[in-house]
Amino acid sequence: MILRNLGDEIQGEQIICFYRKRDREVLFPMTSGHRGLRMKIRGLPARAIIEKSVEFVK
């Protein structure tokens, strides 16, 4: 499945991105005292592939 619509989201433990240009990284709050990184990538087309899926532990 290829997601191409505005607002589509992918989730994975490891994601590989192919792009031509990226904006600066921005720190943002996640859970508790942890912080995450966010960046915007650009390309024609920019692509992201999930290398390792998220495994949920019960």
N, C-alpha and C. Protein backbone atom coordinates (compact mmCIF):
# COMPACT_ATOMS: atom_id res chain seq x y z
N MET A 1 0.85 -1.17 0.00
CA MET A 1 0.00 0.00 0.00
C MET A 1 0.90 1.24 0.00
N ILE A 2 0.61 2.17 -0.86
CA ILE A 2 1.35 3.42 -0.92
C ILE A 2 0.41 4.54 -0.46
N LEU A 3 0.81 5.24 0.58
CA LEU A 3 0.00 6.33 1.12
C LEU A 3 0.43 7.63 0.47
N ARG A 4 -0.51 8.31 -0.18
CA ARG A 4 -0.17 9.53 -0.92
C ARG A 4 -1.06 10.72 -0.59
N ASN A 5 -2.03 10.54 0.29
CA ASN A 5 -2.96 11.62 0.59
C ASN A 5 -2.45 12.49 1.74
N LEU A 6 -2.88 13.72 1.77
CA LEU A 6 -2.51 14.66 2.80
C LEU A 6 -2.91 14.12 4.18
N GLY A 7 -1.98 14.10 5.11
CA GLY A 7 -2.27 13.64 6.47
C GLY A 7 -2.06 12.15 6.69
N ASP A 8 -1.69 11.39 5.65
CA ASP A 8 -1.42 9.96 5.83
C ASP A 8 -0.21 9.79 6.74
N GLU A 9 -0.20 8.73 7.52
CA GLU A 9 0.84 8.51 8.53
C GLU A 9 1.34 7.08 8.44
N ILE A 10 2.64 6.90 8.67
CA ILE A 10 3.19 5.56 8.81
C ILE A 10 3.78 5.44 10.20
N GLN A 11 3.79 4.23 10.74
CA GLN A 11 4.37 4.00 12.06
C GLN A 11 5.26 2.77 11.98
N GLY A 12 6.42 2.86 12.61
CA GLY A 12 7.33 1.74 12.65
C GLY A 12 8.43 2.02 13.65
N GLU A 13 9.15 0.97 14.03
CA GLU A 13 10.25 1.14 14.97
C GLU A 13 11.47 1.70 14.25
N GLN A 14 11.67 1.29 12.99
CA GLN A 14 12.76 1.83 12.18
C GLN A 14 12.18 2.21 10.82
N ILE A 15 12.43 3.45 10.39
CA ILE A 15 11.91 3.94 9.11
C ILE A 15 13.07 4.53 8.32
N ILE A 16 13.18 4.14 7.06
CA ILE A 16 14.22 4.65 6.17
C ILE A 16 13.58 5.69 5.25
N CYS A 17 14.23 6.84 5.09
CA CYS A 17 13.70 7.91 4.25
C CYS A 17 14.65 8.19 3.09
N PHE A 18 14.07 8.42 1.92
CA PHE A 18 14.82 8.83 0.73
C PHE A 18 14.32 10.21 0.35
N TYR A 19 15.21 11.18 0.26
CA TYR A 19 14.78 12.54 -0.01
C TYR A 19 15.93 13.34 -0.62
N ARG A 20 15.59 14.51 -1.14
CA ARG A 20 16.60 15.39 -1.73
C ARG A 20 16.99 16.51 -0.77
N LYS A 21 16.06 16.94 0.07
CA LYS A 21 16.30 18.08 0.93
C LYS A 21 15.53 17.91 2.23
N ARG A 22 16.10 18.40 3.35
CA ARG A 22 15.39 18.32 4.62
C ARG A 22 15.50 19.65 5.36
N ASP A 23 14.48 19.94 6.16
CA ASP A 23 14.50 21.12 7.02
C ASP A 23 15.21 20.76 8.31
N ARG A 24 15.42 21.75 9.16
CA ARG A 24 16.14 21.49 10.41
C ARG A 24 15.32 20.60 11.34
N GLU A 25 16.01 19.92 12.23
CA GLU A 25 15.34 19.06 13.20
C GLU A 25 14.78 19.90 14.34
N VAL A 26 13.62 19.53 14.85
CA VAL A 26 12.94 20.25 15.92
C VAL A 26 12.66 19.27 17.05
N LEU A 27 13.01 19.65 18.28
CA LEU A 27 12.68 18.84 19.45
C LEU A 27 11.25 19.11 19.87
N PHE A 28 10.51 18.05 20.23
CA PHE A 28 9.15 18.24 20.72
C PHE A 28 8.88 17.25 21.85
N PRO A 29 8.01 17.60 22.80
CA PRO A 29 7.73 16.72 23.94
C PRO A 29 6.93 15.50 23.50
N MET A 30 7.27 14.35 24.07
CA MET A 30 6.53 13.12 23.78
C MET A 30 5.82 12.67 25.06
N THR A 31 6.34 11.68 25.74
CA THR A 31 5.71 11.20 26.96
C THR A 31 6.60 11.52 28.15
N SER A 32 6.00 11.86 29.26
CA SER A 32 6.71 12.12 30.51
C SER A 32 7.83 13.14 30.25
N GLY A 33 9.07 12.77 30.53
CA GLY A 33 10.20 13.68 30.34
C GLY A 33 10.95 13.41 29.05
N HIS A 34 10.42 12.53 28.20
CA HIS A 34 11.10 12.19 26.96
C HIS A 34 10.79 13.20 25.86
N ARG A 35 11.76 13.39 24.98
CA ARG A 35 11.58 14.29 23.84
C ARG A 35 11.83 13.52 22.56
N GLY A 36 11.25 13.99 21.48
CA GLY A 36 11.44 13.37 20.18
C GLY A 36 11.96 14.38 19.18
N LEU A 37 12.35 13.87 18.01
CA LEU A 37 12.82 14.73 16.92
C LEU A 37 11.80 14.69 15.79
N ARG A 38 11.64 15.83 15.14
CA ARG A 38 10.75 15.93 14.00
C ARG A 38 11.48 16.70 12.91
N MET A 39 11.34 16.24 11.66
CA MET A 39 11.90 16.99 10.55
C MET A 39 11.03 16.77 9.31
N LYS A 40 11.03 17.76 8.45
CA LYS A 40 10.28 17.69 7.20
C LYS A 40 11.26 17.34 6.10
N ILE A 41 10.91 16.34 5.27
CA ILE A 41 11.75 15.98 4.14
C ILE A 41 11.03 16.35 2.85
N ARG A 42 11.82 16.65 1.82
CA ARG A 42 11.26 17.05 0.53
C ARG A 42 11.96 16.29 -0.59
N GLY A 43 11.26 16.05 -1.67
CA GLY A 43 11.83 15.38 -2.82
C GLY A 43 10.79 15.21 -3.89
N LEU A 44 11.21 14.68 -4.99
CA LEU A 44 10.28 14.40 -6.09
C LEU A 44 10.44 12.95 -6.51
N PRO A 45 9.82 11.99 -5.90
CA PRO A 45 9.07 12.09 -4.65
C PRO A 45 9.96 11.75 -3.46
N ALA A 46 9.60 12.23 -2.28
CA ALA A 46 10.24 11.80 -1.03
C ALA A 46 9.54 10.50 -0.63
N ARG A 47 10.31 9.52 -0.14
CA ARG A 47 9.73 8.22 0.22
C ARG A 47 10.18 7.81 1.60
N ALA A 48 9.36 7.05 2.28
CA ALA A 48 9.71 6.47 3.57
C ALA A 48 9.29 5.00 3.56
N ILE A 49 10.17 4.14 4.03
CA ILE A 49 9.91 2.70 4.04
C ILE A 49 10.10 2.20 5.47
N ILE A 50 9.18 1.38 5.95
CA ILE A 50 9.29 0.80 7.29
C ILE A 50 10.25 -0.38 7.20
N GLU A 51 11.35 -0.31 7.97
CA GLU A 51 12.34 -1.38 7.99
C GLU A 51 12.03 -2.39 9.09
N LYS A 52 11.47 -1.91 10.22
CA LYS A 52 11.12 -2.79 11.32
C LYS A 52 9.80 -2.31 11.89
N SER A 53 8.81 -3.19 11.93
CA SER A 53 7.49 -2.79 12.42
C SER A 53 7.46 -2.72 13.94
N VAL A 54 6.46 -2.05 14.46
CA VAL A 54 6.30 -1.88 15.91
C VAL A 54 5.75 -3.18 16.49
N GLU A 55 6.38 -3.66 17.55
CA GLU A 55 5.89 -4.86 18.23
C GLU A 55 5.34 -4.44 19.58
N PHE A 56 4.05 -4.63 19.77
CA PHE A 56 3.40 -4.25 21.03
C PHE A 56 3.50 -5.38 22.03
N VAL A 57 3.84 -5.05 23.26
CA VAL A 57 3.95 -6.04 24.34
C VAL A 57 2.75 -5.89 25.24
N LYS A 58 2.07 -7.00 25.52
CA LYS A 58 0.88 -6.95 26.38
C LYS A 58 1.27 -7.00 27.84
